Amino acid sequence: MTSSITSNITNRRVFMLQAVAGSGALALASAAQAQAMVSETDPAASGLAYKADATKVDKAKNPKYAAGQICGNCALFQGKAGDKAGGCPLFAGKQVATAGWCSAWAKKG
């Protein structure tokens, strides 16, 4: 009888420790998914003439820009269809606006 009680207490302790560890892992995963947006003043972003709103691209300074080019239809964009932002390998750890643009824009497909 005593070993049964000890076993139940041990199982409860293990369960509680696993539950706490699992909750912590979920919190870390959520934080990792909530990446910061890249700022237009970020050195990498300004070097690539990034604009969060492609309609505000200075066409005189960026002759490569053409209407309709946005991060959302760029080959480098890692977001899903319908996302307001997504990852870009040029700005590691940060997201770009789907409606944004930079001079590294490349046609998908």
PDB file of N, CA and C in Angstrom:
ATOM      1  N   MET A   1       0.813  -1.187   0.000  1.00  0.00           N
ATOM      2  CA  MET A   1       0.000   0.000   0.000  1.00  0.00           C
ATOM      3  C   MET A   1       0.863   1.260   0.000  1.00  0.00           C
ATOM      4  N   THR A   2       1.924   1.258   0.769  1.00  0.00           N
ATOM      5  CA  THR A   2       2.798   2.406   0.856  1.00  0.00           C
ATOM      6  C   THR A   2       3.472   2.684  -0.479  1.00  0.00           C
ATOM      7  N   SER A   3       3.879   1.647  -1.193  1.00  0.00           N
ATOM      8  CA  SER A   3       4.536   1.861  -2.490  1.00  0.00           C
ATOM      9  C   SER A   3       3.552   2.426  -3.503  1.00  0.00           C
ATOM     10  N   SER A   4       2.285   2.082  -3.388  1.00  0.00           N
ATOM     11  CA  SER A   4       1.257   2.627  -4.279  1.00  0.00           C
ATOM     12  C   SER A   4       1.076   4.124  -4.032  1.00  0.00           C
ATOM     13  N   ILE A   5       1.074   4.544  -2.791  1.00  0.00           N
ATOM     14  CA  ILE A   5       0.930   5.959  -2.438  1.00  0.00           C
ATOM     15  C   ILE A   5       2.169   6.730  -2.906  1.00  0.00           C
ATOM     16  N   THR A   6       3.353   6.175  -2.669  1.00  0.00           N
ATOM     17  CA  THR A   6       4.595   6.811  -3.091  1.00  0.00           C
ATOM     18  C   THR A   6       4.631   6.948  -4.607  1.00  0.00           C
ATOM     19  N   SER A   7       4.180   5.924  -5.298  1.00  0.00           N
ATOM     20  CA  SER A   7       4.152   5.953  -6.763  1.00  0.00           C
ATOM     21  C   SER A   7       3.200   7.032  -7.270  1.00  0.00           C
ATOM     22  N   ASN A   8       2.043   7.178  -6.639  1.00  0.00           N
ATOM     23  CA  ASN A   8       1.083   8.206  -7.037  1.00  0.00           C
ATOM     24  C   ASN A   8       1.653   9.611  -6.817  1.00  0.00           C
ATOM     25  N   ILE A   9       2.326   9.805  -5.698  1.00  0.00           N
ATOM     26  CA  ILE A   9       2.930  11.110  -5.404  1.00  0.00           C
ATOM     27  C   ILE A   9       4.018  11.417  -6.426  1.00  0.00           C
ATOM     28  N   THR A  10       4.844  10.418  -6.752  1.00  0.00           N
ATOM     29  CA  THR A  10       5.906  10.603  -7.734  1.00  0.00           C
ATOM     30  C   THR A  10       5.319  10.930  -9.098  1.00  0.00           C
ATOM     31  N   ASN A  11       4.281  10.221  -9.497  1.00  0.00           N
ATOM     32  CA  ASN A  11       3.638  10.473 -10.791  1.00  0.00           C
ATOM     33  C   ASN A  11       3.061  11.881 -10.853  1.00  0.00           C
ATOM     34  N   ARG A  12       2.468  12.342  -9.768  1.00  0.00           N
ATOM     35  CA  ARG A  12       1.922  13.706  -9.724  1.00  0.00           C
ATOM     36  C   ARG A  12       3.035  14.737  -9.856  1.00  0.00           C
ATOM     37  N   ARG A  13       4.144  14.502  -9.158  1.00  0.00           N
ATOM     38  CA  ARG A  13       5.272  15.432  -9.233  1.00  0.00           C
ATOM     39  C   ARG A  13       5.815  15.496 -10.658  1.00  0.00           C
ATOM     40  N   VAL A  14       5.988  14.340 -11.268  1.00  0.00           N
ATOM     41  CA  VAL A  14       6.497  14.291 -12.639  1.00  0.00           C
ATOM     42  C   VAL A  14       5.529  15.010 -13.570  1.00  0.00           C
ATOM     43  N   PHE A  15       4.245  14.765 -13.399  1.00  0.00           N
ATOM     44  CA  PHE A  15       3.244  15.422 -14.235  1.00  0.00           C
ATOM     45  C   PHE A  15       3.311  16.937 -14.077  1.00  0.00           C
ATOM     46  N   MET A  16       3.390  17.416 -12.851  1.00  0.00           N
ATOM     47  CA  MET A  16       3.421  18.855 -12.603  1.00  0.00           C
ATOM     48  C   MET A  16       4.695  19.482 -13.197  1.00  0.00           C
ATOM     49  N   LEU A  17       5.831  18.816 -13.047  1.00  0.00           N
ATOM     50  CA  LEU A  17       7.073  19.342 -13.619  1.00  0.00           C
ATOM     51  C   LEU A  17       6.994  19.392 -15.142  1.00  0.00           C
ATOM     52  N   GLN A  18       6.408  18.352 -15.749  1.00  0.00           N
ATOM     53  CA  GLN A  18       6.260  18.330 -17.198  1.00  0.00           C
ATOM     54  C   GLN A  18       5.297  19.419 -17.660  1.00  0.00           C
ATOM     55  N   ALA A  19       4.238  19.638 -16.914  1.00  0.00           N
ATOM     56  CA  ALA A  19       3.267  20.670 -17.275  1.00  0.00           C
ATOM     57  C   ALA A  19       3.900  22.054 -17.221  1.00  0.00           C
ATOM     58  N   VAL A  20       4.691  22.308 -16.198  1.00  0.00           N
ATOM     59  CA  VAL A  20       5.366  23.604 -16.074  1.00  0.00           C
ATOM     60  C   VAL A  20       6.377  23.783 -17.213  1.00  0.00           C
ATOM     61  N   ALA A  21       7.147  22.758 -17.491  1.00  0.00           N
ATOM     62  CA  ALA A  21       8.136  22.837 -18.564  1.00  0.00           C
ATOM     63  C   ALA A  21       7.453  23.022 -19.917  1.00  0.00           C
ATOM     64  N   GLY A  22       6.358  22.331 -20.133  1.00  0.00           N
ATOM     65  CA  GLY A  22       5.610  22.465 -21.387  1.00  0.00           C
ATOM     66  C   GLY A  22       5.044  23.857 -21.564  1.00  0.00           C
ATOM     67  N   SER A  23       4.543  24.436 -20.496  1.00  0.00           N
ATOM     68  CA  SER A  23       4.008  25.797 -20.559  1.00  0.00           C
ATOM     69  C   SER A  23       5.102  26.795 -20.899  1.00  0.00           C
ATOM     70  N   GLY A  24       6.261  26.604 -20.315  1.00  0.00           N
ATOM     71  CA  GLY A  24       7.387  27.492 -20.611  1.00  0.00           C
ATOM     72  C   GLY A  24       7.819  27.386 -22.061  1.00  0.00           C
ATOM     73  N   ALA A  25       7.825  26.168 -22.605  1.00  0.00           N
ATOM     74  CA  ALA A  25       8.204  25.972 -24.000  1.00  0.00           C
ATOM     75  C   ALA A  25       7.202  26.634 -24.932  1.00  0.00           C
ATOM     76  N   LEU A  26       5.926  26.546 -24.607  1.00  0.00           N
ATOM     77  CA  LEU A  26       4.898  27.196 -25.426  1.00  0.00           C
ATOM     78  C   LEU A  26       5.054  28.714 -25.398  1.00  0.00           C
ATOM     79  N   ALA A  27       5.363  29.250 -24.242  1.00  0.00           N
ATOM     80  CA  ALA A  27       5.551  30.698 -24.133  1.00  0.00           C
ATOM     81  C   ALA A  27       6.743  31.153 -24.972  1.00  0.00           C
ATOM     82  N   LEU A  28       7.816  30.398 -24.958  1.00  0.00           N
ATOM     83  CA  LEU A  28       8.989  30.749 -25.760  1.00  0.00           C
ATOM     84  C   LEU A  28       8.695  30.654 -27.243  1.00  0.00           C
ATOM     85  N   ALA A  29       7.937  29.633 -27.648  1.00  0.00           N
ATOM     86  CA  ALA A  29       7.590  29.478 -29.060  1.00  0.00           C
ATOM     87  C   ALA A  29       6.719  30.644 -29.521  1.00  0.00           C
ATOM     88  N   SER A  30       5.790  31.070 -28.703  1.00  0.00           N
ATOM     89  CA  SER A  30       4.933  32.201 -29.059  1.00  0.00           C
ATOM     90  C   SER A  30       5.750  33.480 -29.199  1.00  0.00           C
ATOM     91  N   ALA A  31       6.690  33.672 -28.306  1.00  0.00           N
ATOM     92  CA  ALA A  31       7.532  34.871 -28.366  1.00  0.00           C
ATOM     93  C   ALA A  31       8.393  34.857 -29.621  1.00  0.00           C
ATOM     94  N   ALA A  32       8.876  33.696 -30.008  1.00  0.00           N
ATOM     95  CA  ALA A  32       9.713  33.605 -31.205  1.00  0.00           C
ATOM     96  C   ALA A  32       8.911  33.919 -32.457  1.00  0.00           C
ATOM     97  N   GLN A  33       7.632  33.529 -32.473  1.00  0.00           N
ATOM     98  CA  GLN A  33       6.797  33.799 -33.633  1.00  0.00           C
ATOM     99  C   GLN A  33       6.447  35.272 -33.749  1.00  0.00           C
ATOM    100  N   ALA A  34       6.416  35.972 -32.653  1.00  0.00           N
ATOM    101  CA  ALA A  34       6.065  37.388 -32.655  1.00  0.00           C
ATOM    102  C   ALA A  34       7.321  38.219 -32.902  1.00  0.00           C
ATOM    103  N   GLN A  35       7.868  38.099 -34.093  1.00  0.00           N
ATOM    104  CA  GLN A  35       9.077  38.829 -34.442  1.00  0.00           C
ATOM    105  C   GLN A  35       8.767  40.308 -34.609  1.00  0.00           C
ATOM    106  N   ALA A  36       9.769  41.104 -34.365  1.00  0.00           N
ATOM    107  CA  ALA A  36       9.637  42.548 -34.534  1.00  0.00           C
ATOM    108  C   ALA A  36       9.623  42.895 -36.019  1.00  0.00           C
ATOM    109  N   MET A  37       8.980  43.997 -36.325  1.00  0.00           N
ATOM    110  CA  MET A  37       8.971  44.512 -37.694  1.00  0.00           C
ATOM    111  C   MET A  37      10.284  45.247 -37.943  1.00  0.00           C
ATOM    112  N   VAL A  38      10.785  45.136 -39.149  1.00  0.00           N
ATOM    113  CA  VAL A  38      11.984  45.879 -39.510  1.00  0.00           C
ATOM    114  C   VAL A  38      11.601  47.349 -39.676  1.00  0.00           C
ATOM    115  N   SER A  39      12.453  48.216 -39.211  1.00  0.00           N
ATOM    116  CA  SER A  39      12.217  49.652 -39.312  1.00  0.00           C
ATOM    117  C   SER A  39      12.869  50.180 -40.585  1.00  0.00           C
ATOM    118  N   GLU A  40      12.265  51.173 -41.189  1.00  0.00           N
ATOM    119  CA  GLU A  40      12.839  51.788 -42.386  1.00  0.00           C
ATOM    120  C   GLU A  40      14.196  52.418 -42.088  1.00  0.00           C
ATOM    121  N   THR A  41      14.438  52.742 -40.820  1.00  0.00           N
ATOM    122  CA  THR A  41      15.712  53.359 -40.438  1.00  0.00           C
ATOM    123  C   THR A  41      16.772  52.330 -40.053  1.00  0.00           C
ATOM    124  N   ASP A  42      16.406  51.069 -40.009  1.00  0.00           N
ATOM    125  CA  ASP A  42      17.369  50.001 -39.741  1.00  0.00           C
ATOM    126  C   ASP A  42      18.457  50.075 -40.816  1.00  0.00           C
ATOM    127  N   PRO A  43      19.730  49.947 -40.455  1.00  0.00           N
ATOM    128  CA  PRO A  43      20.801  50.082 -41.455  1.00  0.00           C
ATOM    129  C   PRO A  43      20.635  49.165 -42.672  1.00  0.00           C
ATOM    130  N   ALA A  44      20.256  47.912 -42.444  1.00  0.00           N
ATOM    131  CA  ALA A  44      20.059  46.994 -43.575  1.00  0.00           C
ATOM    132  C   ALA A  44      18.877  47.440 -44.425  1.00  0.00           C
ATOM    133  N   ALA A  45      17.822  47.888 -43.771  1.00  0.00           N
ATOM    134  CA  ALA A  45      16.625  48.326 -44.493  1.00  0.00           C
ATOM    135  C   ALA A  45      16.904  49.590 -45.308  1.00  0.00           C
ATOM    136  N   SER A  46      17.578  50.558 -44.707  1.00  0.00           N
ATOM    137  CA  SER A  46      17.849  51.792 -45.453  1.00  0.00           C
ATOM    138  C   SER A  46      18.826  51.524 -46.593  1.00  0.00           C
ATOM    139  N   GLY A  47      19.736  50.582 -46.411  1.00  0.00           N
ATOM    140  CA  GLY A  47      20.661  50.218 -47.473  1.00  0.00           C
ATOM    141  C   GLY A  47      19.965  49.603 -48.680  1.00  0.00           C
ATOM    142  N   LEU A  48      18.802  48.981 -48.430  1.00  0.00           N
ATOM    143  CA  LEU A  48      18.024  48.371 -49.511  1.00  0.00           C
ATOM    144  C   LEU A  48      16.814  49.227 -49.880  1.00  0.00           C
ATOM    145  N   ALA A  49      16.776  50.462 -49.407  1.00  0.00           N
ATOM    146  CA  ALA A  49      15.685  51.408 -49.687  1.00  0.00           C
ATOM    147  C   ALA A  49      14.322  50.846 -49.298  1.00  0.00           C
ATOM    148  N   TYR A  50      14.268  50.073 -48.197  1.00  0.00           N
ATOM    149  CA  TYR A  50      13.004  49.469 -47.748  1.00  0.00           C
ATOM    150  C   TYR A  50      11.995  50.530 -47.346  1.00  0.00           C
ATOM    151  N   LYS A  51      10.779  50.351 -47.802  1.00  0.00           N
ATOM    152  CA  LYS A  51       9.631  51.165 -47.387  1.00  0.00           C
ATOM    153  C   LYS A  51       8.532  50.206 -46.959  1.00  0.00           C
ATOM    154  N   ALA A  52       7.923  50.478 -45.818  1.00  0.00           N
ATOM    155  CA  ALA A  52       6.842  49.634 -45.323  1.00  0.00           C
ATOM    156  C   ALA A  52       5.595  49.755 -46.190  1.00  0.00           C
ATOM    157  N   ASP A  53       5.494  50.846 -46.930  1.00  0.00           N
ATOM    158  CA  ASP A  53       4.376  51.082 -47.846  1.00  0.00           C
ATOM    159  C   ASP A  53       4.966  51.352 -49.229  1.00  0.00           C
ATOM    160  N   ALA A  54       4.827  50.380 -50.134  1.00  0.00           N
ATOM    161  CA  ALA A  54       5.435  50.482 -51.464  1.00  0.00           C
ATOM    162  C   ALA A  54       4.953  51.692 -52.249  1.00  0.00           C
ATOM    163  N   THR A  55       3.774  52.211 -51.940  1.00  0.00           N
ATOM    164  CA  THR A  55       3.276  53.379 -52.669  1.00  0.00           C
ATOM    165  C   THR A  55       4.073  54.635 -52.340  1.00  0.00           C
ATOM    166  N   LYS A  56       4.908  54.572 -51.301  1.00  0.00           N
ATOM    167  CA  LYS A  56       5.709  55.726 -50.889  1.00  0.00           C
ATOM    168  C   LYS A  56       7.162  55.631 -51.361  1.00  0.00           C
ATOM    169  N   VAL A  57       7.446  54.667 -52.231  1.00  0.00           N
ATOM    170  CA  VAL A  57       8.802  54.533 -52.765  1.00  0.00           C
ATOM    171  C   VAL A  57       9.097  55.718 -53.677  1.00  0.00           C
ATOM    172  N   ASP A  58      10.250  56.335 -53.487  1.00  0.00           N
ATOM    173  CA  ASP A  58      10.689  57.434 -54.338  1.00  0.00           C
ATOM    174  C   ASP A  58      11.196  56.833 -55.648  1.00  0.00           C
ATOM    175  N   LYS A  59      10.400  56.965 -56.700  1.00  0.00           N
ATOM    176  CA  LYS A  59      10.733  56.351 -57.991  1.00  0.00           C
ATOM    177  C   LYS A  59      11.967  56.977 -58.631  1.00  0.00           C
ATOM    178  N   ALA A  60      12.260  58.221 -58.301  1.00  0.00           N
ATOM    179  CA  ALA A  60      13.454  58.877 -58.835  1.00  0.00           C
ATOM    180  C   ALA A  60      14.717  58.251 -58.245  1.00  0.00           C
ATOM    181  N   LYS A  61      14.675  57.915 -56.955  1.00  0.00           N
ATOM    182  CA  LYS A  61      15.823  57.303 -56.288  1.00  0.00           C
ATOM    183  C   LYS A  61      15.885  55.794 -56.510  1.00  0.00           C
ATOM    184  N   ASN A  62      14.755  55.195 -56.866  1.00  0.00           N
ATOM    185  CA  ASN A  62      14.663  53.744 -57.028  1.00  0.00           C
ATOM    186  C   ASN A  62      14.055  53.393 -58.381  1.00  0.00           C
ATOM    187  N   PRO A  63      14.810  53.569 -59.446  1.00  0.00           N
ATOM    188  CA  PRO A  63      14.271  53.321 -60.786  1.00  0.00           C
ATOM    189  C   PRO A  63      13.875  51.863 -61.033  1.00  0.00           C
ATOM    190  N   LYS A  64      14.360  50.933 -60.190  1.00  0.00           N
ATOM    191  CA  LYS A  64      13.989  49.528 -60.337  1.00  0.00           C
ATOM    192  C   LYS A  64      12.539  49.269 -59.901  1.00  0.00           C
ATOM    193  N   TYR A  65      11.980  50.191 -59.118  1.00  0.00           N
ATOM    194  CA  TYR A  65      10.618  49.999 -58.613  1.00  0.00           C
ATOM    195  C   TYR A  65       9.599  50.133 -59.739  1.00  0.00           C
ATOM    196  N   ALA A  66       8.618  49.223 -59.713  1.00  0.00           N
ATOM    197  CA  ALA A  66       7.486  49.301 -60.634  1.00  0.00           C
ATOM    198  C   ALA A  66       6.209  49.093 -59.825  1.00  0.00           C
ATOM    199  N   ALA A  67       5.172  49.816 -60.189  1.00  0.00           N
ATOM    200  CA  ALA A  67       3.894  49.688 -59.488  1.00  0.00           C
ATOM    201  C   ALA A  67       3.483  48.218 -59.428  1.00  0.00           C
ATOM    202  N   GLY A  68       2.984  47.814 -58.280  1.00  0.00           N
ATOM    203  CA  GLY A  68       2.546  46.434 -58.095  1.00  0.00           C
ATOM    204  C   GLY A  68       3.576  45.554 -57.411  1.00  0.00           C
ATOM    205  N   GLN A  69       4.819  46.001 -57.369  1.00  0.00           N
ATOM    206  CA  GLN A  69       5.848  45.242 -56.661  1.00  0.00           C
ATOM    207  C   GLN A  69       5.693  45.502 -55.174  1.00  0.00           C
ATOM    208  N   ILE A  70       5.448  44.436 -54.409  1.00  0.00           N
ATOM    209  CA  ILE A  70       5.348  44.528 -52.955  1.00  0.00           C
ATOM    210  C   ILE A  70       6.047  43.315 -52.349  1.00  0.00           C
ATOM    211  N   CYS A  71       6.376  43.409 -51.103  1.00  0.00           N
ATOM    212  CA  CYS A  71       7.028  42.284 -50.432  1.00  0.00           C
ATOM    213  C   CYS A  71       6.180  41.018 -50.546  1.00  0.00           C
ATOM    214  N   GLY A  72       4.874  41.181 -50.479  1.00  0.00           N
ATOM    215  CA  GLY A  72       3.975  40.028 -50.529  1.00  0.00           C
ATOM    216  C   GLY A  72       4.061  39.218 -51.814  1.00  0.00           C
ATOM    217  N   ASN A  73       4.533  39.832 -52.918  1.00  0.00           N
ATOM    218  CA  ASN A  73       4.671  39.052 -54.150  1.00  0.00           C
ATOM    219  C   ASN A  73       6.138  38.916 -54.572  1.00  0.00           C
ATOM    220  N   CYS A  74       7.032  39.074 -53.607  1.00  0.00           N
ATOM    221  CA  CYS A  74       8.470  38.911 -53.829  1.00  0.00           C
ATOM    222  C   CYS A  74       8.865  37.455 -53.555  1.00  0.00           C
ATOM    223  N   ALA A  75       9.823  36.955 -54.299  1.00  0.00           N
ATOM    224  CA  ALA A  75      10.301  35.582 -54.131  1.00  0.00           C
ATOM    225  C   ALA A  75      10.927  35.353 -52.748  1.00  0.00           C
ATOM    226  N   LEU A  76      11.397  36.410 -52.103  1.00  0.00           N
ATOM    227  CA  LEU A  76      12.055  36.279 -50.799  1.00  0.00           C
ATOM    228  C   LEU A  76      11.074  36.281 -49.629  1.00  0.00           C
ATOM    229  N   PHE A  77       9.843  36.721 -49.851  1.00  0.00           N
ATOM    230  CA  PHE A  77       8.855  36.862 -48.781  1.00  0.00           C
ATOM    231  C   PHE A  77       8.479  35.491 -48.226  1.00  0.00           C
ATOM    232  N   GLN A  78       8.514  35.351 -46.906  1.00  0.00           N
ATOM    233  CA  GLN A  78       8.251  34.069 -46.261  1.00  0.00           C
ATOM    234  C   GLN A  78       6.910  33.997 -45.540  1.00  0.00           C
ATOM    235  N   GLY A  79       6.078  35.011 -45.691  1.00  0.00           N
ATOM    236  CA  GLY A  79       4.760  34.987 -45.072  1.00  0.00           C
ATOM    237  C   GLY A  79       3.785  34.179 -45.914  1.00  0.00           C
ATOM    238  N   LYS A  80       2.606  33.978 -45.366  1.00  0.00           N
ATOM    239  CA  LYS A  80       1.545  33.265 -46.077  1.00  0.00           C
ATOM    240  C   LYS A  80       0.622  34.272 -46.743  1.00  0.00           C
ATOM    241  N   ALA A  81      -0.129  33.812 -47.717  1.00  0.00           N
ATOM    242  CA  ALA A  81      -1.124  34.663 -48.372  1.00  0.00           C
ATOM    243  C   ALA A  81      -2.087  35.189 -47.316  1.00  0.00           C
ATOM    244  N   GLY A  82      -2.340  36.471 -47.342  1.00  0.00           N
ATOM    245  CA  GLY A  82      -3.255  37.082 -46.381  1.00  0.00           C
ATOM    246  C   GLY A  82      -2.577  37.638 -45.134  1.00  0.00           C
ATOM    247  N   ASP A  83      -1.313  37.291 -44.907  1.00  0.00           N
ATOM    248  CA  ASP A  83      -0.583  37.834 -43.753  1.00  0.00           C
ATOM    249  C   ASP A  83      -0.271  39.314 -43.989  1.00  0.00           C
ATOM    250  N   LYS A  84      -0.292  40.101 -42.926  1.00  0.00           N
ATOM    251  CA  LYS A  84       0.051  41.522 -43.037  1.00  0.00           C
ATOM    252  C   LYS A  84       1.556  41.730 -43.017  1.00  0.00           C
ATOM    253  N   ALA A  85       2.286  40.712 -42.562  1.00  0.00           N
ATOM    254  CA  ALA A  85       3.750  40.784 -42.504  1.00  0.00           C
ATOM    255  C   ALA A  85       4.294  39.363 -42.576  1.00  0.00           C
ATOM    256  N   GLY A  86       5.573  39.287 -42.883  1.00  0.00           N
ATOM    257  CA  GLY A  86       6.219  37.985 -42.943  1.00  0.00           C
ATOM    258  C   GLY A  86       7.724  38.139 -42.895  1.00  0.00           C
ATOM    259  N   GLY A  87       8.390  37.035 -42.745  1.00  0.00           N
ATOM    260  CA  GLY A  87       9.831  37.046 -42.673  1.00  0.00           C
ATOM    261  C   GLY A  87      10.482  37.295 -44.029  1.00  0.00           C
ATOM    262  N   CYS A  88      11.706  37.744 -43.971  1.00  0.00           N
ATOM    263  CA  CYS A  88      12.513  37.952 -45.169  1.00  0.00           C
ATOM    264  C   CYS A  88      13.950  37.619 -44.792  1.00  0.00           C
ATOM    265  N   PRO A  89      14.627  36.772 -45.566  1.00  0.00           N
ATOM    266  CA  PRO A  89      15.993  36.402 -45.203  1.00  0.00           C
ATOM    267  C   PRO A  89      16.975  37.572 -45.211  1.00  0.00           C
ATOM    268  N   LEU A  90      16.623  38.658 -45.847  1.00  0.00           N
ATOM    269  CA  LEU A  90      17.508  39.825 -45.860  1.00  0.00           C
ATOM    270  C   LEU A  90      17.511  40.564 -44.534  1.00  0.00           C
ATOM    271  N   PHE A  91      16.444  40.372 -43.750  1.00  0.00           N
ATOM    272  CA  PHE A  91      16.306  41.048 -42.455  1.00  0.00           C
ATOM    273  C   PHE A  91      16.112  39.984 -41.379  1.00  0.00           C
ATOM    274  N   ALA A  92      17.140  39.212 -41.126  1.00  0.00           N
ATOM    275  CA  ALA A  92      17.075  38.069 -40.207  1.00  0.00           C
ATOM    276  C   ALA A  92      16.445  38.436 -38.867  1.00  0.00           C
ATOM    277  N   GLY A  93      15.472  37.637 -38.474  1.00  0.00           N
ATOM    278  CA  GLY A  93      14.823  37.834 -37.186  1.00  0.00           C
ATOM    279  C   GLY A  93      13.780  38.925 -37.161  1.00  0.00           C
ATOM    280  N   LYS A  94      13.534  39.568 -38.288  1.00  0.00           N
ATOM    281  CA  LYS A  94      12.537  40.637 -38.340  1.00  0.00           C
ATOM    282  C   LYS A  94      11.579  40.387 -39.497  1.00  0.00           C
ATOM    283  N   GLN A  95      10.416  40.981 -39.381  1.00  0.00           N
ATOM    284  CA  GLN A  95       9.407  40.842 -40.425  1.00  0.00           C
ATOM    285  C   GLN A  95       9.319  42.107 -41.260  1.00  0.00           C
ATOM    286  N   VAL A  96       8.867  41.930 -42.490  1.00  0.00           N
ATOM    287  CA  VAL A  96       8.617  43.053 -43.391  1.00  0.00           C
ATOM    288  C   VAL A  96       7.121  43.141 -43.628  1.00  0.00           C
ATOM    289  N   ALA A  97       6.643  44.317 -43.931  1.00  0.00           N
ATOM    290  CA  ALA A  97       5.226  44.505 -44.237  1.00  0.00           C
ATOM    291  C   ALA A  97       4.925  43.893 -45.599  1.00  0.00           C
ATOM    292  N   THR A  98       3.817  43.199 -45.706  1.00  0.00           N
ATOM    293  CA  THR A  98       3.414  42.607 -46.979  1.00  0.00           C
ATOM    294  C   THR A  98       3.314  43.686 -48.045  1.00  0.00           C
ATOM    295  N   ALA A  99       2.849  44.875 -47.672  1.00  0.00           N
ATOM    296  CA  ALA A  99       2.681  45.985 -48.612  1.00  0.00           C
ATOM    297  C   ALA A  99       3.971  46.778 -48.820  1.00  0.00           C
ATOM    298  N   GLY A 100       5.088  46.308 -48.246  1.00  0.00           N
ATOM    299  CA  GLY A 100       6.351  47.013 -48.357  1.00  0.00           C
ATOM    300  C   GLY A 100       7.095  46.703 -49.652  1.00  0.00           C
ATOM    301  N   TRP A 101       8.279  47.288 -49.771  1.00  0.00           N
ATOM    302  CA  TRP A 101       9.130  47.075 -50.947  1.00  0.00           C
ATOM    303  C   TRP A 101      10.565  47.393 -50.583  1.00  0.00           C
ATOM    304  N   CYS A 102      11.523  46.701 -51.237  1.00  0.00           N
ATOM    305  CA  CYS A 102      12.935  47.058 -51.139  1.00  0.00           C
ATOM    306  C   CYS A 102      13.591  46.782 -52.477  1.00  0.00           C
ATOM    307  N   SER A 103      14.794  47.290 -52.655  1.00  0.00           N
ATOM    308  CA  SER A 103      15.479  47.198 -53.951  1.00  0.00           C
ATOM    309  C   SER A 103      15.893  45.770 -54.304  1.00  0.00           C
ATOM    310  N   ALA A 104      15.763  44.831 -53.388  1.00  0.00           N
ATOM    311  CA  ALA A 104      16.086  43.432 -53.672  1.00  0.00           C
ATOM    312  C   ALA A 104      14.868  42.650 -54.158  1.00  0.00           C
ATOM    313  N   TRP A 105      13.764  43.351 -54.400  1.00  0.00           N
ATOM    314  CA  TRP A 105      12.531  42.679 -54.837  1.00  0.00           C
ATOM    315  C   TRP A 105      12.822  41.799 -56.050  1.00  0.00           C
ATOM    316  N   ALA A 106      12.308  40.569 -55.992  1.00  0.00           N
ATOM    317  CA  ALA A 106      12.485  39.615 -57.095  1.00  0.00           C
ATOM    318  C   ALA A 106      11.157  38.924 -57.388  1.00  0.00           C
ATOM    319  N   LYS A 107      10.821  38.796 -58.633  1.00  0.00           N
ATOM    320  CA  LYS A 107       9.551  38.200 -59.041  1.00  0.00           C
ATOM    321  C   LYS A 107       9.482  36.739 -58.615  1.00  0.00           C
ATOM    322  N   LYS A 108       8.337  36.328 -58.059  1.00  0.00           N
ATOM    323  CA  LYS A 108       8.129  34.937 -57.695  1.00  0.00           C
ATOM    324  C   LYS A 108       8.006  34.101 -58.963  1.00  0.00           C
ATOM    325  N   GLY A 109       8.465  32.880 -58.823  1.00  0.00           N
ATOM    326  CA  GLY A 109       8.256  31.906 -59.906  1.00  0.00           C
ATOM    327  C   GLY A 109       9.234  32.037 -60.951  1.00  0.00           C
TER     328      GLY A 109
END
